[in-house]
Protein backbone atom coordinates (compact mmCIF):
# COMPACT_ATOMS: atom_id res chain seq x y z
CA MET A 1 199.02 -71.73 16.08
CA SER A 2 195.44 -72.08 17.33
CA VAL A 3 194.11 -74.39 20.03
CA LEU A 4 191.43 -76.87 18.97
CA TYR A 5 188.78 -77.27 21.66
CA TYR A 6 186.19 -80.02 21.99
CA THR A 7 183.27 -80.24 24.42
CA PHE A 8 182.03 -83.74 25.27
CA ARG A 9 178.28 -84.27 25.40
CA THR A 10 178.05 -86.69 28.32
CA PRO A 11 180.05 -87.29 31.54
CA LEU A 12 183.11 -89.44 30.89
CA PRO A 13 184.67 -92.27 32.93
CA TYR A 14 187.89 -90.94 34.41
CA ALA A 15 190.27 -93.85 33.73
CA ARG A 16 189.24 -94.01 30.10
CA THR A 17 189.65 -90.24 29.75
CA LEU A 18 193.10 -90.49 31.30
CA LEU A 19 193.98 -93.04 28.63
CA LEU A 20 192.71 -90.64 25.96
CA GLN A 21 195.06 -87.93 27.24
CA GLN A 22 197.96 -90.36 27.13
CA GLN A 23 197.06 -91.43 23.59
CA ILE A 24 196.85 -87.84 22.36
CA HIS A 25 200.16 -87.08 24.11
CA GLN A 26 201.78 -89.90 22.13
CA VAL A 27 200.29 -88.66 18.86
CA GLN A 28 201.55 -85.13 19.56
CA LEU A 29 205.01 -86.40 20.47
CA ALA A 30 205.29 -88.64 17.41
CA THR A 31 204.06 -85.89 15.09
CA ARG A 32 206.46 -83.35 16.58
CA ARG A 33 209.41 -85.67 15.97
CA ILE A 34 208.58 -85.75 12.26
CA ASP A 35 207.75 -82.05 11.92
CA PRO A 36 207.81 -79.74 14.99
CA THR A 37 205.29 -77.35 13.39
CA THR A 38 202.36 -79.66 12.64
CA HIS A 39 201.16 -81.20 15.93
CA LYS A 40 197.93 -79.71 17.29
CA ASP A 41 197.36 -78.04 20.65
CA ILE A 42 194.05 -79.28 22.11
CA LEU A 43 191.69 -78.31 24.93
CA LEU A 44 189.25 -81.02 26.05
CA LEU A 45 186.24 -79.69 27.99
CA LEU A 46 184.06 -82.18 29.82
CA GLN A 47 182.34 -83.47 32.91
CA HIS A 48 183.33 -86.73 34.58
CA ARG A 49 181.23 -89.49 36.02
CA PRO A 50 181.66 -89.43 39.84
CA VAL A 51 185.30 -90.19 40.66
CA TYR A 52 187.88 -89.56 43.35
CA THR A 53 191.47 -89.25 42.16
CA ALA A 54 194.79 -89.32 44.00
CA GLY A 55 197.92 -87.38 42.99
CA ARG A 56 201.34 -88.80 42.23
CA ARG A 57 202.81 -87.89 45.64
CA GLN A 58 200.39 -90.19 47.44
CA THR A 59 201.41 -93.82 47.83
CA GLU A 60 199.09 -96.79 47.54
CA GLU A 61 199.57 -97.36 51.27
CA GLU A 62 198.40 -93.82 52.02
CA VAL A 63 195.24 -93.99 49.93
CA ALA A 64 194.26 -97.62 50.55
CA PRO A 65 192.04 -96.92 53.60
CA GLU A 66 190.03 -94.38 51.60
CA ARG A 67 189.72 -96.36 48.38
CA ALA A 68 187.13 -98.92 49.54
CA ARG A 69 185.06 -96.33 51.42
CA LEU A 70 184.85 -93.96 48.48
CA ILE A 71 184.03 -96.71 45.98
CA ASN A 72 181.16 -97.76 48.28
CA LEU A 73 179.73 -94.25 47.93
CA GLY A 74 179.11 -94.99 44.26
CA ALA A 75 182.18 -93.28 42.78
CA ASP A 76 185.24 -94.59 40.97
CA PHE A 77 188.73 -94.20 42.48
CA VAL A 78 191.76 -93.67 40.22
CA PRO A 79 195.44 -92.97 41.08
CA THR A 80 197.03 -90.44 38.70
CA GLN A 81 200.36 -88.80 37.87
CA ARG A 82 199.08 -85.23 38.27
CA GLY A 83 200.14 -82.95 41.11
CA GLY A 84 198.02 -82.60 44.25
CA GLN A 85 196.24 -84.98 46.62
CA ILE A 86 192.80 -86.63 46.68
CA THR A 87 190.08 -84.66 44.96
CA TYR A 88 186.71 -85.27 43.33
CA HIS A 89 185.38 -84.84 39.79
CA GLY A 90 181.82 -85.31 38.64
CA PRO A 91 178.74 -83.93 36.90
CA GLY A 92 178.09 -80.26 37.58
CA GLN A 93 181.80 -79.48 37.38
CA ILE A 94 183.68 -78.24 34.30
CA VAL A 95 186.96 -80.06 33.72
CA GLY A 96 189.48 -78.71 31.23
CA TYR A 97 192.42 -80.75 29.93
CA PRO A 98 194.79 -78.56 27.90
CA LEU A 99 197.09 -80.79 25.84
CA MET A 100 199.56 -78.13 24.73
CA ASP A 101 203.19 -77.75 23.76
CA LEU A 102 204.73 -75.17 26.12
CA GLY A 103 207.80 -75.05 23.88
CA ARG A 104 205.78 -73.17 21.26
CA TYR A 105 206.01 -70.03 23.37
CA GLN A 106 209.11 -67.86 22.91
CA PRO A 107 210.72 -68.23 25.32
CA ALA A 108 209.21 -71.58 26.34
CA MET A 109 206.54 -71.19 28.99
CA GLY A 110 207.51 -72.50 32.44
CA ILE A 111 205.23 -74.66 34.55
CA ARG A 112 204.67 -71.91 37.14
CA ASP A 113 203.50 -69.47 34.46
CA TYR A 114 201.33 -72.18 32.90
CA ILE A 115 199.58 -72.86 36.23
CA CYS A 116 199.21 -69.16 37.04
CA ARG A 117 197.47 -68.56 33.72
CA MET A 118 195.19 -71.53 34.39
CA GLN A 119 194.13 -70.08 37.74
CA LYS A 120 193.70 -66.66 36.14
CA THR A 121 191.48 -68.15 33.43
CA MET A 122 189.09 -69.53 36.05
CA SER A 123 189.09 -66.43 38.27
CA THR A 124 188.58 -64.13 35.25
CA VAL A 125 185.57 -66.08 33.99
CA LEU A 126 184.05 -66.04 37.47
CA LYS A 127 184.51 -62.29 37.93
CA ASP A 128 183.99 -60.86 34.45
CA GLU A 129 181.03 -63.03 33.44
CA TYR A 130 179.30 -63.72 36.75
CA GLY A 131 180.53 -61.14 39.25
CA ILE A 132 182.08 -63.81 41.49
CA GLU A 133 185.15 -62.46 43.27
CA SER A 134 188.03 -64.74 44.23
CA VAL A 135 190.77 -64.07 46.78
CA PRO A 136 194.54 -64.69 46.72
CA SER A 137 195.71 -67.88 48.42
CA ASP A 138 198.98 -69.59 49.25
CA ASN A 139 197.37 -72.81 48.01
CA THR A 140 196.95 -73.78 44.36
CA GLY A 141 193.44 -73.26 43.04
CA VAL A 142 190.72 -70.61 43.09
CA PHE A 143 189.19 -69.56 46.42
CA LEU A 144 186.15 -67.41 47.19
CA ASN A 145 187.48 -66.87 50.72
CA ASP A 146 189.96 -68.58 53.04
CA THR A 147 187.67 -71.59 53.57
CA ALA A 148 185.76 -71.89 50.27
CA LYS A 149 187.41 -73.40 47.19
CA ILE A 150 185.69 -73.31 43.82
CA GLY A 151 188.46 -74.30 41.39
CA SER A 152 191.36 -76.77 41.35
CA VAL A 153 194.52 -77.26 39.30
CA GLY A 154 196.65 -80.37 38.86
CA VAL A 155 198.98 -80.73 35.90
CA GLN A 156 201.68 -82.90 34.41
CA VAL A 157 204.28 -81.83 31.83
CA ARG A 158 206.37 -84.34 29.89
CA HIS A 159 208.57 -83.39 26.94
CA ARG A 160 207.04 -79.89 27.23
CA LEU A 161 203.60 -81.40 26.46
CA THR A 162 200.90 -80.88 29.09
CA THR A 163 198.25 -83.26 30.43
CA HIS A 164 195.63 -83.01 33.22
CA GLY A 165 194.49 -79.47 33.97
CA PHE A 166 191.78 -77.59 35.87
CA ALA A 167 188.28 -78.02 37.26
CA PHE A 168 185.71 -75.75 38.82
CA ASN A 169 182.29 -76.35 40.31
CA VAL A 170 179.28 -74.92 38.49
CA THR A 171 176.22 -76.53 40.09
CA ARG A 172 175.65 -77.79 43.65
CA GLU A 173 175.83 -81.45 42.58
CA PRO A 174 179.57 -81.94 43.29
CA LEU A 175 179.43 -80.50 46.83
CA ALA A 176 177.98 -83.53 48.62
CA TRP A 177 180.71 -85.67 47.07
CA PHE A 178 183.45 -83.24 48.11
CA ASN A 179 182.11 -83.32 51.68
CA GLN A 180 183.10 -87.00 51.91
CA VAL A 181 186.85 -86.23 51.76
CA VAL A 182 189.48 -83.71 52.80
CA ALA A 183 189.94 -82.47 49.26
CA CYS A 184 193.50 -81.55 48.24
CA GLY A 185 194.64 -82.08 51.85
CA LEU A 186 193.03 -78.82 53.05
CA ALA A 187 191.17 -79.79 56.22
CA ASP A 188 189.66 -76.35 56.89
CA VAL A 189 188.47 -75.76 53.32
CA LYS A 190 185.11 -76.74 51.81
CA ALA A 191 184.10 -76.91 48.17
CA GLU A 192 181.89 -74.15 46.82
CA CYS A 193 180.13 -73.64 43.48
CA MET A 194 178.99 -70.93 41.08
CA GLU A 195 175.32 -71.70 41.67
CA ASN A 196 175.62 -70.83 45.36
CA ALA A 197 177.80 -67.79 44.65
CA ILE A 198 175.35 -66.17 42.23
CA GLY A 199 172.20 -67.41 43.97
CA GLU A 200 170.47 -68.79 40.90
CA PRO A 201 170.58 -71.91 38.71
CA ILE A 202 173.31 -72.21 36.09
CA THR A 203 174.40 -75.01 33.78
CA VAL A 204 177.80 -76.22 32.68
CA GLY A 205 176.88 -75.52 29.07
CA GLU A 206 176.35 -71.83 29.78
CA VAL A 207 179.89 -71.44 31.10
CA ILE A 208 181.70 -73.11 28.17
CA PRO A 209 181.67 -70.17 25.67
CA PRO A 210 183.14 -67.53 28.05
CA LEU A 211 185.61 -70.10 29.36
CA VAL A 212 186.89 -70.85 25.84
CA GLU A 213 187.21 -67.14 25.00
CA THR A 214 189.02 -66.35 28.25
CA PHE A 215 191.36 -69.32 27.94
CA GLY A 216 192.44 -68.19 24.49
CA ARG A 217 192.96 -64.61 25.59
CA ILE A 218 195.03 -65.45 28.66
CA TYR A 219 197.19 -68.03 26.87
CA GLY A 220 197.51 -65.85 23.78
CA LYS A 221 195.93 -68.40 21.44
CA GLU A 222 193.23 -68.42 18.80
CA MET A 223 190.50 -70.90 19.76
CA GLU A 224 188.98 -73.13 17.07
CA GLU A 225 186.20 -75.63 17.70
CA MET A 226 187.28 -79.13 16.74
CA ASP A 227 185.47 -81.29 14.22
CA PRO A 228 186.68 -84.78 15.20
CA ASP A 229 185.83 -86.11 11.75
CA ARG A 230 188.62 -83.92 10.34
CA GLU A 231 191.29 -84.74 12.92
CA GLY A 232 192.39 -88.21 11.93
CA GLU A 233 193.57 -90.50 14.72
CA VAL A 234 192.88 -87.96 17.48
CA GLY A 235 189.34 -87.43 16.22
CA GLU A 236 188.72 -91.18 16.08
CA LEU A 237 189.91 -91.56 19.68
CA ILE A 238 187.57 -88.79 20.84
CA ARG A 239 184.55 -90.23 19.01
CA GLU A 240 185.30 -93.69 20.40
CA LEU A 241 185.41 -92.44 24.01
CA GLU A 242 182.24 -90.40 23.62
CA GLU A 243 180.35 -93.38 22.24
CA GLU A 244 181.59 -95.53 25.14
CA ALA A 245 180.46 -92.94 27.69
CA ILE A 246 176.97 -92.72 26.17
CA ALA A 247 176.68 -96.52 26.19
CA ILE A 248 177.57 -96.79 29.90
CA GLY A 249 174.40 -94.93 30.86
CA LYS A 250 173.42 -93.48 34.23
CA TRP A 251 175.67 -92.54 37.13
CA ALA A 252 175.13 -92.00 40.87
CA LYS A 253 173.57 -88.54 41.41
CA GLU A 254 174.63 -88.34 45.05
CA PRO A 255 176.84 -90.33 47.47
CA LEU A 256 175.33 -93.58 48.70
CA VAL A 257 175.78 -92.72 52.38
CA ASN A 258 174.20 -94.98 55.01
CA THR A 259 172.59 -92.66 57.57
CA THR A 260 171.08 -95.36 59.80
């Protein structure tokens, strides 16, 4: 069965996008209970409005001191149920949310394999399309060297259905935001981006086509662009969120740091 992919036109608010994932998860689960062959696998591709997110292993007590400071920078702050620690998402960064049924693979795909393929998707796009080499790491994600991280992974799997996913930095815009935190708990690691690595401007839109092709190849899936108007409830939910995001308007382009 193919994977339907959809690319959002404008940066999305994180909490509302998290709700969309949960809603699609429920649709997939309900559809599978009726007929295990008819629910759709989906890949959402997007940028977020500036937001810091915390992983499920971090308690409210642990993140409370950071919450107010980061919100004052002009970003949102949202606790999540994904793996990992505090990280940043925002414009200039591609975020991919695969909402897939791992039980469709024979045998069923394990979480480790799922994450490894996700990392390989990012590293393959970087190398094959842009000549950007990554290096092996004991930490989850994609690294250009021991101290430069360009891609992140944080996933959740419930009832064999996946949510959350991957992100990697395309332009320089996310870097100033990343510099405000110890991202993913790695004190000696800084965020890096494709624009710096190749030494010339690049846009998120340019990276989407090779990313879609590579994702399909590495996960062994046909990729089909989604027309939300033909996807019933899921399509309506996607259109609704996109319209909300457009209506919200502008976002902070850089952290509101007081340097006086």
